[in-house]
Amino acid sequence: MGKKVFFNAGVKIQDQGGVTIDDGALIGHNVVIATLDHSLNPKHRGNLIPAPIHIGKNVWIGANATICKGVTIGDGAVIAAGAVVTKDVPACTVYGGVPARFIKNIQENV
């Protein structure tokens, strides 16, 4: 856990795969950070599949977003409210939607 990390009300972290949150991250209301998934195969659906999550420096995750297993969110990125992040997010970008997709780049001097 980094320095000056902010968690708003209702944040849920399910950490069986490992979660790293770097300095200055802002985590909005009711965000879910889930390091586990299940197999799609009905015979193996009860098996848990863990993978780590890494949230970079100065990341802002909007309210009600879900961060799924194995995701890395790059430094300075913004995740829009309600997004479901299933893939890595590059630094200094905005991602949103279900599933989350690229919206725009962030100019660092703004």
PDB file of N, CA and C in Angstrom:
ATOM      1  N   MET A   1       0.839  -1.175   0.000  1.00  0.00           N
ATOM      2  CA  MET A   1       0.000   0.000   0.000  1.00  0.00           C
ATOM      3  C   MET A   1       0.885   1.238   0.000  1.00  0.00           C
ATOM      4  N   GLY A   2       0.641   2.106  -0.968  1.00  0.00           N
ATOM      5  CA  GLY A   2       1.437   3.316  -1.074  1.00  0.00           C
ATOM      6  C   GLY A   2       1.012   4.397  -0.093  1.00  0.00           C
ATOM      7  N   LYS A   3       1.677   5.525  -0.178  1.00  0.00           N
ATOM      8  CA  LYS A   3       1.369   6.683   0.659  1.00  0.00           C
ATOM      9  C   LYS A   3       0.233   7.485   0.040  1.00  0.00           C
ATOM     10  N   LYS A   4      -0.556   8.137   0.896  1.00  0.00           N
ATOM     11  CA  LYS A   4      -1.638   9.033   0.478  1.00  0.00           C
ATOM     12  C   LYS A   4      -2.628   8.350  -0.455  1.00  0.00           C
ATOM     13  N   VAL A   5      -2.936   7.094  -0.185  1.00  0.00           N
ATOM     14  CA  VAL A   5      -3.977   6.363  -0.920  1.00  0.00           C
ATOM     15  C   VAL A   5      -5.304   6.670  -0.244  1.00  0.00           C
ATOM     16  N   PHE A   6      -6.351   6.949  -1.038  1.00  0.00           N
ATOM     17  CA  PHE A   6      -7.665   7.287  -0.493  1.00  0.00           C
ATOM     18  C   PHE A   6      -8.687   6.240  -0.920  1.00  0.00           C
ATOM     19  N   PHE A   7      -9.415   5.713   0.059  1.00  0.00           N
ATOM     20  CA  PHE A   7     -10.520   4.791  -0.192  1.00  0.00           C
ATOM     21  C   PHE A   7     -11.812   5.473   0.230  1.00  0.00           C
ATOM     22  N   ASN A   8     -12.785   5.551  -0.663  1.00  0.00           N
ATOM     23  CA  ASN A   8     -14.082   6.083  -0.294  1.00  0.00           C
ATOM     24  C   ASN A   8     -14.937   4.966   0.301  1.00  0.00           C
ATOM     25  N   ALA A   9     -16.143   5.289   0.722  1.00  0.00           N
ATOM     26  CA  ALA A   9     -17.023   4.333   1.400  1.00  0.00           C
ATOM     27  C   ALA A   9     -17.379   3.152   0.500  1.00  0.00           C
ATOM     28  N   GLY A  10     -17.466   1.970   1.091  1.00  0.00           N
ATOM     29  CA  GLY A  10     -17.980   0.792   0.402  1.00  0.00           C
ATOM     30  C   GLY A  10     -17.007   0.066  -0.504  1.00  0.00           C
ATOM     31  N   VAL A  11     -15.735   0.431  -0.492  1.00  0.00           N
ATOM     32  CA  VAL A  11     -14.746  -0.263  -1.325  1.00  0.00           C
ATOM     33  C   VAL A  11     -14.596  -1.699  -0.829  1.00  0.00           C
ATOM     34  N   LYS A  12     -14.543  -2.643  -1.795  1.00  0.00           N
ATOM     35  CA  LYS A  12     -14.370  -4.057  -1.459  1.00  0.00           C
ATOM     36  C   LYS A  12     -13.127  -4.585  -2.167  1.00  0.00           C
ATOM     37  N   ILE A  13     -12.219  -5.166  -1.396  1.00  0.00           N
ATOM     38  CA  ILE A  13     -11.010  -5.758  -1.961  1.00  0.00           C
ATOM     39  C   ILE A  13     -11.012  -7.238  -1.625  1.00  0.00           C
ATOM     40  N   GLN A  14     -11.088  -8.058  -2.643  1.00  0.00           N
ATOM     41  CA  GLN A  14     -11.046  -9.516  -2.494  1.00  0.00           C
ATOM     42  C   GLN A  14      -9.638  -9.914  -2.926  1.00  0.00           C
ATOM     43  N   ASP A  15      -8.770 -10.147  -1.954  1.00  0.00           N
ATOM     44  CA  ASP A  15      -7.341 -10.295  -2.231  1.00  0.00           C
ATOM     45  C   ASP A  15      -6.859 -11.708  -1.939  1.00  0.00           C
ATOM     46  N   GLN A  16      -6.921 -12.554  -2.955  1.00  0.00           N
ATOM     47  CA  GLN A  16      -6.307 -13.872  -2.852  1.00  0.00           C
ATOM     48  C   GLN A  16      -5.252 -14.061  -3.926  1.00  0.00           C
ATOM     49  N   GLY A  17      -5.119 -13.074  -4.811  1.00  0.00           N
ATOM     50  CA  GLY A  17      -4.109 -13.137  -5.854  1.00  0.00           C
ATOM     51  C   GLY A  17      -3.032 -12.088  -5.682  1.00  0.00           C
ATOM     52  N   GLY A  18      -3.232 -11.176  -4.732  1.00  0.00           N
ATOM     53  CA  GLY A  18      -2.278 -10.104  -4.490  1.00  0.00           C
ATOM     54  C   GLY A  18      -2.739  -8.791  -5.087  1.00  0.00           C
ATOM     55  N   VAL A  19      -2.755  -7.739  -4.277  1.00  0.00           N
ATOM     56  CA  VAL A  19      -3.138  -6.399  -4.725  1.00  0.00           C
ATOM     57  C   VAL A  19      -2.035  -5.433  -4.320  1.00  0.00           C
ATOM     58  N   THR A  20      -1.565  -4.633  -5.289  1.00  0.00           N
ATOM     59  CA  THR A  20      -0.601  -3.574  -5.033  1.00  0.00           C
ATOM     60  C   THR A  20      -1.242  -2.255  -5.425  1.00  0.00           C
ATOM     61  N   ILE A  21      -1.243  -1.301  -4.502  1.00  0.00           N
ATOM     62  CA  ILE A  21      -1.795   0.023  -4.772  1.00  0.00           C
ATOM     63  C   ILE A  21      -0.694   1.034  -4.464  1.00  0.00           C
ATOM     64  N   ASP A  22      -0.291   1.783  -5.490  1.00  0.00           N
ATOM     65  CA  ASP A  22       0.828   2.713  -5.355  1.00  0.00           C
ATOM     66  C   ASP A  22       0.390   4.079  -4.816  1.00  0.00           C
ATOM     67  N   ASP A  23       1.374   4.933  -4.541  1.00  0.00           N
ATOM     68  CA  ASP A  23       1.157   6.258  -3.950  1.00  0.00           C
ATOM     69  C   ASP A  23       0.096   7.070  -4.694  1.00  0.00           C
ATOM     70  N   GLY A  24      -0.734   7.760  -3.907  1.00  0.00           N
ATOM     71  CA  GLY A  24      -1.651   8.750  -4.451  1.00  0.00           C
ATOM     72  C   GLY A  24      -2.878   8.220  -5.152  1.00  0.00           C
ATOM     73  N   ALA A  25      -3.132   6.924  -5.092  1.00  0.00           N
ATOM     74  CA  ALA A  25      -4.315   6.369  -5.759  1.00  0.00           C
ATOM     75  C   ALA A  25      -5.585   6.826  -5.052  1.00  0.00           C
ATOM     76  N   LEU A  26      -6.625   7.105  -5.837  1.00  0.00           N
ATOM     77  CA  LEU A  26      -7.938   7.501  -5.331  1.00  0.00           C
ATOM     78  C   LEU A  26      -8.939   6.436  -5.747  1.00  0.00           C
ATOM     79  N   ILE A  27      -9.589   5.801  -4.778  1.00  0.00           N
ATOM     80  CA  ILE A  27     -10.517   4.705  -5.048  1.00  0.00           C
ATOM     81  C   ILE A  27     -11.912   5.174  -4.645  1.00  0.00           C
ATOM     82  N   GLY A  28     -12.840   5.250  -5.606  1.00  0.00           N
ATOM     83  CA  GLY A  28     -14.170   5.802  -5.378  1.00  0.00           C
ATOM     84  C   GLY A  28     -15.125   4.877  -4.645  1.00  0.00           C
ATOM     85  N   HIS A  29     -16.320   5.415  -4.353  1.00  0.00           N
ATOM     86  CA  HIS A  29     -17.377   4.670  -3.664  1.00  0.00           C
ATOM     87  C   HIS A  29     -17.650   3.322  -4.333  1.00  0.00           C
ATOM     88  N   ASN A  30     -17.786   2.292  -3.521  1.00  0.00           N
ATOM     89  CA  ASN A  30     -18.267   0.973  -3.952  1.00  0.00           C
ATOM     90  C   ASN A  30     -17.437   0.311  -5.046  1.00  0.00           C
ATOM     91  N   VAL A  31     -16.180   0.680  -5.177  1.00  0.00           N
ATOM     92  CA  VAL A  31     -15.299   0.008  -6.137  1.00  0.00           C
ATOM     93  C   VAL A  31     -15.037  -1.413  -5.646  1.00  0.00           C
ATOM     94  N   VAL A  32     -15.000  -2.363  -6.598  1.00  0.00           N
ATOM     95  CA  VAL A  32     -14.671  -3.757  -6.300  1.00  0.00           C
ATOM     96  C   VAL A  32     -13.338  -4.078  -6.964  1.00  0.00           C
ATOM     97  N   ILE A  33     -12.407  -4.611  -6.183  1.00  0.00           N
ATOM     98  CA  ILE A  33     -11.107  -5.059  -6.678  1.00  0.00           C
ATOM     99  C   ILE A  33     -11.054  -6.555  -6.398  1.00  0.00           C
ATOM    100  N   ALA A  34     -11.147  -7.371  -7.456  1.00  0.00           N
ATOM    101  CA  ALA A  34     -11.324  -8.822  -7.297  1.00  0.00           C
ATOM    102  C   ALA A  34     -10.209  -9.589  -7.990  1.00  0.00           C
ATOM    103  N   THR A  35      -9.398 -10.299  -7.206  1.00  0.00           N
ATOM    104  CA  THR A  35      -8.245 -11.022  -7.749  1.00  0.00           C
ATOM    105  C   THR A  35      -8.561 -12.462  -8.138  1.00  0.00           C
ATOM    106  N   LEU A  36      -9.814 -12.863  -8.058  1.00  0.00           N
ATOM    107  CA  LEU A  36     -10.195 -14.245  -8.391  1.00  0.00           C
ATOM    108  C   LEU A  36     -11.224 -14.288  -9.503  1.00  0.00           C
ATOM    109  N   ASP A  37     -11.234 -15.405 -10.210  1.00  0.00           N
ATOM    110  CA  ASP A  37     -12.241 -15.700 -11.226  1.00  0.00           C
ATOM    111  C   ASP A  37     -12.517 -17.193 -11.159  1.00  0.00           C
ATOM    112  N   HIS A  38     -13.481 -17.650 -11.940  1.00  0.00           N
ATOM    113  CA  HIS A  38     -13.830 -19.070 -12.010  1.00  0.00           C
ATOM    114  C   HIS A  38     -13.708 -19.554 -13.449  1.00  0.00           C
ATOM    115  N   SER A  39     -13.536 -20.845 -13.615  1.00  0.00           N
ATOM    116  CA  SER A  39     -13.476 -21.460 -14.937  1.00  0.00           C
ATOM    117  C   SER A  39     -14.831 -21.352 -15.624  1.00  0.00           C
ATOM    118  N   LEU A  40     -14.820 -21.204 -16.942  1.00  0.00           N
ATOM    119  CA  LEU A  40     -16.070 -21.236 -17.704  1.00  0.00           C
ATOM    120  C   LEU A  40     -16.599 -22.652 -17.850  1.00  0.00           C
ATOM    121  N   ASN A  41     -15.731 -23.639 -17.748  1.00  0.00           N
ATOM    122  CA  ASN A  41     -16.119 -25.042 -17.866  1.00  0.00           C
ATOM    123  C   ASN A  41     -16.981 -25.420 -16.658  1.00  0.00           C
ATOM    124  N   PRO A  42     -18.243 -25.854 -16.884  1.00  0.00           N
ATOM    125  CA  PRO A  42     -19.130 -26.172 -15.764  1.00  0.00           C
ATOM    126  C   PRO A  42     -18.561 -27.213 -14.804  1.00  0.00           C
ATOM    127  N   LYS A  43     -17.759 -28.151 -15.306  1.00  0.00           N
ATOM    128  CA  LYS A  43     -17.192 -29.192 -14.448  1.00  0.00           C
ATOM    129  C   LYS A  43     -16.123 -28.641 -13.505  1.00  0.00           C
ATOM    130  N   HIS A  44     -15.557 -27.501 -13.853  1.00  0.00           N
ATOM    131  CA  HIS A  44     -14.466 -26.924 -13.063  1.00  0.00           C
ATOM    132  C   HIS A  44     -14.806 -25.529 -12.540  1.00  0.00           C
ATOM    133  N   ARG A  45     -16.063 -25.168 -12.596  1.00  0.00           N
ATOM    134  CA  ARG A  45     -16.462 -23.810 -12.236  1.00  0.00           C
ATOM    135  C   ARG A  45     -16.163 -23.462 -10.780  1.00  0.00           C
ATOM    136  N   GLY A  46     -16.107 -24.451  -9.930  1.00  0.00           N
ATOM    137  CA  GLY A  46     -15.802 -24.203  -8.522  1.00  0.00           C
ATOM    138  C   GLY A  46     -14.342 -23.903  -8.254  1.00  0.00           C
ATOM    139  N   ASN A  47     -13.488 -24.170  -9.243  1.00  0.00           N
ATOM    140  CA  ASN A  47     -12.056 -23.891  -9.082  1.00  0.00           C
ATOM    141  C   ASN A  47     -11.802 -22.388  -9.145  1.00  0.00           C
ATOM    142  N   LEU A  48     -10.993 -21.901  -8.250  1.00  0.00           N
ATOM    143  CA  LEU A  48     -10.654 -20.484  -8.223  1.00  0.00           C
ATOM    144  C   LEU A  48      -9.377 -20.232  -9.014  1.00  0.00           C
ATOM    145  N   ILE A  49      -9.386 -19.170  -9.822  1.00  0.00           N
ATOM    146  CA  ILE A  49      -8.241 -18.799 -10.647  1.00  0.00           C
ATOM    147  C   ILE A  49      -7.773 -17.415 -10.193  1.00  0.00           C
ATOM    148  N   PRO A  50      -6.692 -17.346  -9.388  1.00  0.00           N
ATOM    149  CA  PRO A  50      -6.211 -16.051  -8.897  1.00  0.00           C
ATOM    150  C   PRO A  50      -5.192 -15.409  -9.839  1.00  0.00           C
ATOM    151  N   ALA A  51      -5.121 -14.091  -9.800  1.00  0.00           N
ATOM    152  CA  ALA A  51      -4.080 -13.331 -10.494  1.00  0.00           C
ATOM    153  C   ALA A  51      -3.971 -11.966  -9.816  1.00  0.00           C
ATOM    154  N   PRO A  52      -2.779 -11.404  -9.743  1.00  0.00           N
ATOM    155  CA  PRO A  52      -2.588 -10.137  -9.026  1.00  0.00           C
ATOM    156  C   PRO A  52      -3.158  -8.933  -9.767  1.00  0.00           C
ATOM    157  N   ILE A  53      -3.428  -7.889  -9.009  1.00  0.00           N
ATOM    158  CA  ILE A  53      -3.863  -6.596  -9.542  1.00  0.00           C
ATOM    159  C   ILE A  53      -2.852  -5.555  -9.088  1.00  0.00           C
ATOM    160  N   HIS A  54      -2.455  -4.667 -10.021  1.00  0.00           N
ATOM    161  CA  HIS A  54      -1.534  -3.577  -9.682  1.00  0.00           C
ATOM    162  C   HIS A  54      -2.172  -2.260 -10.104  1.00  0.00           C
ATOM    163  N   ILE A  55      -2.340  -1.365  -9.148  1.00  0.00           N
ATOM    164  CA  ILE A  55      -2.888  -0.033  -9.392  1.00  0.00           C
ATOM    165  C   ILE A  55      -1.741   0.954  -9.217  1.00  0.00           C
ATOM    166  N   GLY A  56      -1.405   1.671 -10.286  1.00  0.00           N
ATOM    167  CA  GLY A  56      -0.235   2.541 -10.303  1.00  0.00           C
ATOM    168  C   GLY A  56      -0.398   3.832  -9.520  1.00  0.00           C
ATOM    169  N   LYS A  57       0.638   4.658  -9.576  1.00  0.00           N
ATOM    170  CA  LYS A  57       0.667   5.940  -8.867  1.00  0.00           C
ATOM    171  C   LYS A  57      -0.363   6.906  -9.450  1.00  0.00           C
ATOM    172  N   ASN A  58      -1.038   7.631  -8.551  1.00  0.00           N
ATOM    173  CA  ASN A  58      -1.972   8.696  -8.926  1.00  0.00           C
ATOM    174  C   ASN A  58      -3.092   8.231  -9.846  1.00  0.00           C
ATOM    175  N   VAL A  59      -3.479   6.979  -9.728  1.00  0.00           N
ATOM    176  CA  VAL A  59      -4.630   6.451 -10.474  1.00  0.00           C
ATOM    177  C   VAL A  59      -5.899   6.905  -9.766  1.00  0.00           C
ATOM    178  N   TRP A  60      -6.918   7.223 -10.552  1.00  0.00           N
ATOM    179  CA  TRP A  60      -8.239   7.581 -10.016  1.00  0.00           C
ATOM    180  C   TRP A  60      -9.236   6.569 -10.556  1.00  0.00           C
ATOM    181  N   ILE A  61      -9.870   5.822  -9.646  1.00  0.00           N
ATOM    182  CA  ILE A  61     -10.885   4.839 -10.028  1.00  0.00           C
ATOM    183  C   ILE A  61     -12.232   5.366  -9.564  1.00  0.00           C
ATOM    184  N   GLY A  62     -13.133   5.620 -10.520  1.00  0.00           N
ATOM    185  CA  GLY A  62     -14.441   6.191 -10.223  1.00  0.00           C
ATOM    186  C   GLY A  62     -15.369   5.220  -9.512  1.00  0.00           C
ATOM    187  N   ALA A  63     -16.424   5.770  -8.935  1.00  0.00           N
ATOM    188  CA  ALA A  63     -17.399   5.008  -8.155  1.00  0.00           C
ATOM    189  C   ALA A  63     -17.961   3.830  -8.936  1.00  0.00           C
ATOM    190  N   ASN A  64     -18.188   2.735  -8.225  1.00  0.00           N
ATOM    191  CA  ASN A  64     -18.859   1.540  -8.750  1.00  0.00           C
ATOM    192  C   ASN A  64     -18.104   0.830  -9.868  1.00  0.00           C
ATOM    193  N   ALA A  65     -16.832   1.126 -10.038  1.00  0.00           N
ATOM    194  CA  ALA A  65     -16.022   0.394 -11.018  1.00  0.00           C
ATOM    195  C   ALA A  65     -15.626  -0.962 -10.436  1.00  0.00           C
ATOM    196  N   THR A  66     -15.346  -1.906 -11.335  1.00  0.00           N
ATOM    197  CA  THR A  66     -14.855  -3.225 -10.947  1.00  0.00           C
ATOM    198  C   THR A  66     -13.521  -3.462 -11.641  1.00  0.00           C
ATOM    199  N   ILE A  67     -12.517  -3.846 -10.866  1.00  0.00           N
ATOM    200  CA  ILE A  67     -11.193  -4.162 -11.400  1.00  0.00           C
ATOM    201  C   ILE A  67     -11.016  -5.673 -11.275  1.00  0.00           C
ATOM    202  N   CYS A  68     -10.859  -6.348 -12.407  1.00  0.00           N
ATOM    203  CA  CYS A  68     -10.810  -7.813 -12.437  1.00  0.00           C
ATOM    204  C   CYS A  68      -9.380  -8.334 -12.320  1.00  0.00           C
ATOM    205  N   LYS A  69      -9.279  -9.622 -12.056  1.00  0.00           N
ATOM    206  CA  LYS A  69      -7.997 -10.287 -11.812  1.00  0.00           C
ATOM    207  C   LYS A  69      -7.007 -10.059 -12.943  1.00  0.00           C
ATOM    208  N   GLY A  70      -5.741  -9.959 -12.557  1.00  0.00           N
ATOM    209  CA  GLY A  70      -4.668  -9.887 -13.536  1.00  0.00           C
ATOM    210  C   GLY A  70      -4.450  -8.537 -14.184  1.00  0.00           C
ATOM    211  N   VAL A  71      -5.184  -7.510 -13.764  1.00  0.00           N
ATOM    212  CA  VAL A  71      -5.122  -6.199 -14.406  1.00  0.00           C
ATOM    213  C   VAL A  71      -4.021  -5.337 -13.786  1.00  0.00           C
ATOM    214  N   THR A  72      -3.320  -4.594 -14.649  1.00  0.00           N
ATOM    215  CA  THR A  72      -2.407  -3.538 -14.226  1.00  0.00           C
ATOM    216  C   THR A  72      -2.945  -2.225 -14.765  1.00  0.00           C
ATOM    217  N   ILE A  73      -3.090  -1.240 -13.877  1.00  0.00           N
ATOM    218  CA  ILE A  73      -3.528   0.097 -14.278  1.00  0.00           C
ATOM    219  C   ILE A  73      -2.319   1.010 -14.155  1.00  0.00           C
ATOM    220  N   GLY A  74      -1.907   1.593 -15.283  1.00  0.00           N
ATOM    221  CA  GLY A  74      -0.695   2.407 -15.330  1.00  0.00           C
ATOM    222  C   GLY A  74      -0.817   3.720 -14.576  1.00  0.00           C
ATOM    223  N   ASP A  75       0.327   4.282 -14.221  1.00  0.00           N
ATOM    224  CA  ASP A  75       0.394   5.538 -13.472  1.00  0.00           C
ATOM    225  C   ASP A  75      -0.432   6.631 -14.148  1.00  0.00           C
ATOM    226  N   GLY A  76      -1.187   7.376 -13.325  1.00  0.00           N
ATOM    227  CA  GLY A  76      -1.923   8.532 -13.812  1.00  0.00           C
ATOM    228  C   GLY A  76      -3.182   8.229 -14.595  1.00  0.00           C
ATOM    229  N   ALA A  77      -3.550   6.963 -14.718  1.00  0.00           N
ATOM    230  CA  ALA A  77      -4.754   6.600 -15.475  1.00  0.00           C
ATOM    231  C   ALA A  77      -6.014   6.940 -14.683  1.00  0.00           C
ATOM    232  N   VAL A  78      -7.132   7.096 -15.412  1.00  0.00           N
ATOM    233  CA  VAL A  78      -8.444   7.332 -14.817  1.00  0.00           C
ATOM    234  C   VAL A  78      -9.383   6.245 -15.312  1.00  0.00           C
ATOM    235  N   ILE A  79     -10.099   5.625 -14.368  1.00  0.00           N
ATOM    236  CA  ILE A  79     -11.116   4.630 -14.690  1.00  0.00           C
ATOM    237  C   ILE A  79     -12.465   5.273 -14.416  1.00  0.00           C
ATOM    238  N   ALA A  80     -13.316   5.352 -15.433  1.00  0.00           N
ATOM    239  CA  ALA A  80     -14.614   6.011 -15.298  1.00  0.00           C
ATOM    240  C   ALA A  80     -15.529   5.249 -14.347  1.00  0.00           C
ATOM    241  N   ALA A  81     -16.449   5.973 -13.739  1.00  0.00           N
ATOM    242  CA  ALA A  81     -17.430   5.370 -12.840  1.00  0.00           C
ATOM    243  C   ALA A  81     -18.183   4.257 -13.565  1.00  0.00           C
ATOM    244  N   GLY A  82     -18.368   3.137 -12.886  1.00  0.00           N
ATOM    245  CA  GLY A  82     -19.133   2.020 -13.425  1.00  0.00           C
ATOM    246  C   GLY A  82     -18.394   1.125 -14.399  1.00  0.00           C
ATOM    247  N   ALA A  83     -17.151   1.423 -14.697  1.00  0.00           N
ATOM    248  CA  ALA A  83     -16.385   0.620 -15.657  1.00  0.00           C
ATOM    249  C   ALA A  83     -16.082  -0.763 -15.089  1.00  0.00           C
ATOM    250  N   VAL A  84     -15.957  -1.733 -16.000  1.00  0.00           N
ATOM    251  CA  VAL A  84     -15.502  -3.077 -15.639  1.00  0.00           C
ATOM    252  C   VAL A  84     -14.190  -3.299 -16.382  1.00  0.00           C
ATOM    253  N   VAL A  85     -13.091  -3.280 -15.633  1.00  0.00           N
ATOM    254  CA  VAL A  85     -11.753  -3.346 -16.225  1.00  0.00           C
ATOM    255  C   VAL A  85     -11.295  -4.796 -16.248  1.00  0.00           C
ATOM    256  N   THR A  86     -11.144  -5.345 -17.459  1.00  0.00           N
ATOM    257  CA  THR A  86     -10.762  -6.744 -17.640  1.00  0.00           C
ATOM    258  C   THR A  86      -9.373  -6.896 -18.258  1.00  0.00           C
ATOM    259  N   LYS A  87      -8.799  -5.779 -18.741  1.00  0.00           N
ATOM    260  CA  LYS A  87      -7.484  -5.810 -19.390  1.00  0.00           C
ATOM    261  C   LYS A  87      -6.647  -4.649 -18.873  1.00  0.00           C
ATOM    262  N   ASP A  88      -5.349  -4.729 -19.088  1.00  0.00           N
ATOM    263  CA  ASP A  88      -4.438  -3.683 -18.631  1.00  0.00           C
ATOM    264  C   ASP A  88      -4.804  -2.321 -19.214  1.00  0.00           C
ATOM    265  N   VAL A  89      -4.551  -1.282 -18.419  1.00  0.00           N
ATOM    266  CA  VAL A  89      -4.816   0.103 -18.804  1.00  0.00           C
ATOM    267  C   VAL A  89      -3.478   0.841 -18.835  1.00  0.00           C
ATOM    268  N   PRO A  90      -3.109   1.429 -19.981  1.00  0.00           N
ATOM    269  CA  PRO A  90      -1.836   2.151 -20.057  1.00  0.00           C
ATOM    270  C   PRO A  90      -1.834   3.410 -19.183  1.00  0.00           C
ATOM    271  N   ALA A  91      -0.646   3.869 -18.845  1.00  0.00           N
ATOM    272  CA  ALA A  91      -0.484   5.093 -18.064  1.00  0.00           C
ATOM    273  C   ALA A  91      -1.101   6.283 -18.790  1.00  0.00           C
ATOM    274  N   CYS A  92      -1.612   7.229 -18.012  1.00  0.00           N
ATOM    275  CA  CYS A  92      -2.120   8.514 -18.515  1.00  0.00           C
ATOM    276  C   CYS A  92      -3.179   8.357 -19.597  1.00  0.00           C
ATOM    277  N   THR A  93      -4.109   7.430 -19.368  1.00  0.00           N
ATOM    278  CA  THR A  93      -5.246   7.249 -20.267  1.00  0.00           C
ATOM    279  C   THR A  93      -6.525   7.221 -19.444  1.00  0.00           C
ATOM    280  N   VAL A  94      -7.654   7.449 -20.123  1.00  0.00           N
ATOM    281  CA  VAL A  94      -8.972   7.310 -19.510  1.00  0.00           C
ATOM    282  C   VAL A  94      -9.635   6.105 -20.146  1.00  0.00           C
ATOM    283  N   TYR A  95     -10.143   5.200 -19.297  1.00  0.00           N
ATOM    284  CA  TYR A  95     -10.868   4.018 -19.752  1.00  0.00           C
ATOM    285  C   TYR A  95     -12.234   4.010 -19.084  1.00  0.00           C
ATOM    286  N   GLY A  96     -13.264   3.555 -19.815  1.00  0.00           N
ATOM    287  CA  GLY A  96     -14.597   3.458 -19.237  1.00  0.00           C
ATOM    288  C   GLY A  96     -15.451   2.499 -20.029  1.00  0.00           C
ATOM    289  N   GLY A  97     -16.589   2.123 -19.461  1.00  0.00           N
ATOM    290  CA  GLY A  97     -17.540   1.245 -20.127  1.00  0.00           C
ATOM    291  C   GLY A  97     -17.487  -0.173 -19.604  1.00  0.00           C
ATOM    292  N   VAL A  98     -18.353  -0.998 -20.200  1.00  0.00           N
ATOM    293  CA  VAL A  98     -18.473  -2.411 -19.812  1.00  0.00           C
ATOM    294  C   VAL A  98     -18.424  -3.249 -21.082  1.00  0.00           C
ATOM    295  N   PRO A  99     -17.324  -3.949 -21.340  1.00  0.00           N
ATOM    296  CA  PRO A  99     -16.053  -3.869 -20.613  1.00  0.00           C
ATOM    297  C   PRO A  99     -15.356  -2.535 -20.893  1.00  0.00           C
ATOM    298  N   ALA A 100     -14.439  -2.168 -20.020  1.00  0.00           N
ATOM    299  CA  ALA A 100     -13.737  -0.889 -20.163  1.00  0.00           C
ATOM    300  C   ALA A 100     -12.935  -0.855 -21.457  1.00  0.00           C
ATOM    301  N   ARG A 101     -12.955   0.315 -22.090  1.00  0.00           N
ATOM    302  CA  ARG A 101     -12.215   0.527 -23.337  1.00  0.00           C
ATOM    303  C   ARG A 101     -11.579   1.920 -23.299  1.00  0.00           C
ATOM    304  N   PHE A 102     -10.624   2.127 -24.180  1.00  0.00           N
ATOM    305  CA  PHE A 102      -9.921   3.405 -24.267  1.00  0.00           C
ATOM    306  C   PHE A 102     -10.896   4.525 -24.620  1.00  0.00           C
ATOM    307  N   ILE A 103     -10.801   5.647 -23.892  1.00  0.00           N
ATOM    308  CA  ILE A 103     -11.597   6.832 -24.206  1.00  0.00           C
ATOM    309  C   ILE A 103     -10.690   7.943 -24.721  1.00  0.00           C
ATOM    310  N   LYS A 104      -9.626   8.257 -23.963  1.00  0.00           N
ATOM    311  CA  LYS A 104      -8.703   9.289 -24.441  1.00  0.00           C
ATOM    312  C   LYS A 104      -7.408   9.260 -23.642  1.00  0.00           C
ATOM    313  N   ASN A 105      -6.417   9.957 -24.180  1.00  0.00           N
ATOM    314  CA  ASN A 105      -5.152  10.156 -23.478  1.00  0.00           C
ATOM    315  C   ASN A 105      -5.263  11.365 -22.559  1.00  0.00           C
ATOM    316  N   ILE A 106      -4.465  11.364 -21.505  1.00  0.00           N
ATOM    317  CA  ILE A 106      -4.419  12.481 -20.566  1.00  0.00           C
ATOM    318  C   ILE A 106      -3.112  13.219 -20.789  1.00  0.00           C
ATOM    319  N   GLN A 107      -3.204  14.529 -20.967  1.00  0.00           N
ATOM    320  CA  GLN A 107      -2.000  15.344 -21.067  1.00  0.00           C
ATOM    321  C   GLN A 107      -1.496  15.599 -19.659  1.00  0.00           C
ATOM    322  N   GLU A 108      -0.259  15.254 -19.405  1.00  0.00           N
ATOM    323  CA  GLU A 108       0.286  15.355 -18.048  1.00  0.00           C
ATOM    324  C   GLU A 108       0.396  16.783 -17.543  1.00  0.00           C
ATOM    325  N   ASN A 109       0.399  17.770 -18.423  1.00  0.00           N
ATOM    326  CA  ASN A 109       0.536  19.156 -17.970  1.00  0.00           C
ATOM    327  C   ASN A 109      -0.817  19.825 -17.728  1.00  0.00           C
ATOM    328  N   VAL A 110      -1.898  19.079 -17.763  1.00  0.00           N
ATOM    329  CA  VAL A 110      -3.236  19.652 -17.540  1.00  0.00           C
ATOM    330  C   VAL A 110      -3.475  19.820 -16.065  1.00  0.00           C
TER     331      VAL A 110
END
